[in-house]
Amino acid sequence: QVQLMESGGGSVQSGGSLRLSCTGSGFDFRSSGMRWYRQLPGKEREWIASIMDNGEITNVTPAVMGRFTISRDNTKRILYLDMKNLKLDDTAVYSCNTQTYWGKGTLVIVSP
């Protein structure tokens, strides 16, 4: 069955960096567009970034533009989210998505 498993979350100080990973299995990873979402405490889940199947076209929400980069390694079946200059407001559970499938998420906590 389709599985998406995020990793790489943790605690980091404001201004720091993290790399999130999402490993996919059970579907044609190479042919699937992928997305990252996040859910801030007490808020609705929001879209962060998207990447096409071949990785050539990406989009990110303005709130993270210039700080977050989405990429993928189709050989390894891994989706990445590189985050730099993290802010307190980036504290959230980050999840990856393809089609109608979701991972369980990984928690990122940014502290002062």
Protein backbone atom coordinates (compact mmCIF):
# COMPACT_ATOMS: atom_id res chain seq x y z
CA GLN A 1 0.00 0.00 0.00
CA VAL A 2 1.01 3.62 -0.33
CA GLN A 3 3.24 4.84 2.47
CA LEU A 4 4.77 8.22 3.09
CA MET A 5 7.16 8.59 6.01
CA GLU A 6 8.56 11.92 7.09
CA SER A 7 11.72 12.40 9.13
CA GLY A 8 14.16 15.10 10.09
CA GLY A 9 12.04 17.17 12.41
CA GLY A 10 13.27 18.35 15.77
CA SER A 11 14.08 21.37 17.87
CA VAL A 12 16.15 24.20 16.48
CA GLN A 13 16.90 27.74 17.50
CA SER A 14 15.56 30.68 15.56
CA GLY A 15 17.76 31.30 12.54
CA GLY A 16 18.77 27.67 12.30
CA SER A 17 18.27 25.11 9.55
CA LEU A 18 16.72 21.68 9.14
CA ARG A 19 16.26 19.22 6.30
CA LEU A 20 13.06 17.22 6.24
CA SER A 21 12.75 14.01 4.26
CA CYS A 22 9.75 12.06 3.04
CA THR A 23 10.26 8.52 1.81
CA GLY A 24 7.58 7.13 -0.46
CA SER A 25 6.65 3.55 -1.23
CA GLY A 26 3.79 1.62 -2.79
CA PHE A 27 3.25 3.97 -5.72
CA ASP A 28 5.01 5.24 -8.83
CA PHE A 29 7.17 7.86 -7.10
CA ARG A 30 8.89 8.98 -10.31
CA SER A 31 5.58 9.91 -11.92
CA SER A 32 3.99 11.63 -8.94
CA GLY A 33 3.86 15.29 -8.09
CA MET A 34 4.61 15.81 -4.40
CA ARG A 35 3.77 18.46 -1.86
CA TRP A 36 4.71 19.59 1.64
CA TYR A 37 2.14 20.95 4.05
CA ARG A 38 2.34 22.11 7.63
CA GLN A 39 -0.07 22.57 10.47
CA LEU A 40 0.72 25.25 12.98
CA PRO A 41 -0.64 24.90 16.53
CA GLY A 42 -4.34 25.72 16.54
CA LYS A 43 -4.43 26.38 12.79
CA GLU A 44 -5.64 24.61 9.67
CA ARG A 45 -3.15 22.65 7.61
CA GLU A 46 -1.56 24.86 4.97
CA TRP A 47 0.25 24.16 1.73
CA ILE A 48 3.98 24.97 1.75
CA ALA A 49 5.56 23.72 -1.45
CA SER A 50 5.05 21.57 -4.54
CA ILE A 51 7.32 19.81 -6.98
CA MET A 52 6.53 18.15 -10.30
CA ASP A 53 7.42 14.53 -10.98
CA ASN A 54 10.69 15.33 -12.72
CA GLY A 55 11.63 18.01 -10.21
CA GLU A 56 11.93 20.74 -12.82
CA ILE A 57 9.02 22.86 -11.63
CA THR A 58 8.61 23.88 -8.01
CA ASN A 59 6.47 26.35 -6.12
CA VAL A 60 6.54 27.59 -2.56
CA THR A 61 4.16 29.71 -0.57
CA PRO A 62 5.25 33.35 -0.16
CA ALA A 63 5.60 32.90 3.60
CA VAL A 64 8.65 30.68 3.13
CA MET A 65 9.98 31.88 -0.22
CA GLY A 66 13.73 32.37 -0.12
CA ARG A 67 14.03 30.26 3.04
CA PHE A 68 12.56 26.85 2.12
CA THR A 69 13.50 24.71 -0.89
CA ILE A 70 11.68 21.63 -2.10
CA SER A 71 13.55 18.94 -4.02
CA ARG A 72 13.44 15.24 -4.73
CA ASP A 73 15.60 12.23 -5.50
CA ASN A 74 13.57 9.87 -7.64
CA THR A 75 16.25 7.19 -7.48
CA LYS A 76 15.99 7.07 -3.70
CA ARG A 77 12.24 7.82 -3.67
CA ILE A 78 12.77 10.71 -1.26
CA LEU A 79 11.20 14.15 -1.15
CA TYR A 80 13.11 16.88 0.70
CA LEU A 81 12.33 20.20 2.30
CA ASP A 82 15.40 22.27 3.12
CA MET A 83 14.56 24.98 5.63
CA LYS A 84 16.89 27.79 6.61
CA ASN A 85 16.60 30.95 8.67
CA LEU A 86 13.83 29.30 10.65
CA LYS A 87 11.47 31.53 12.57
CA LEU A 88 9.30 30.96 15.63
CA ASP A 89 6.24 30.94 13.36
CA ASP A 90 7.64 27.93 11.47
CA THR A 91 6.89 25.72 14.47
CA ALA A 92 4.48 23.12 13.09
CA VAL A 93 3.90 19.52 12.09
CA TYR A 94 5.18 19.09 8.54
CA SER A 95 3.60 16.46 6.30
CA CYS A 96 4.18 15.26 2.77
CA ASN A 97 1.42 14.47 0.32
CA THR A 98 0.81 12.90 -3.05
CA GLN A 99 -2.59 12.43 -4.63
CA THR A 100 -4.85 11.59 -1.67
CA TYR A 101 -2.14 10.12 0.51
CA TRP A 102 -0.51 11.70 3.55
CA GLY A 103 2.33 10.91 5.88
CA LYS A 104 1.91 11.16 9.64
CA GLY A 105 4.11 14.21 9.83
CA THR A 106 7.24 15.31 11.61
CA LEU A 107 7.31 18.01 14.29
CA VAL A 108 9.51 21.07 13.95
CA ILE A 109 9.94 23.30 16.99
CA VAL A 110 11.72 26.62 16.62
CA SER A 111 12.78 28.25 19.87
CA PRO A 112 14.15 31.75 20.61
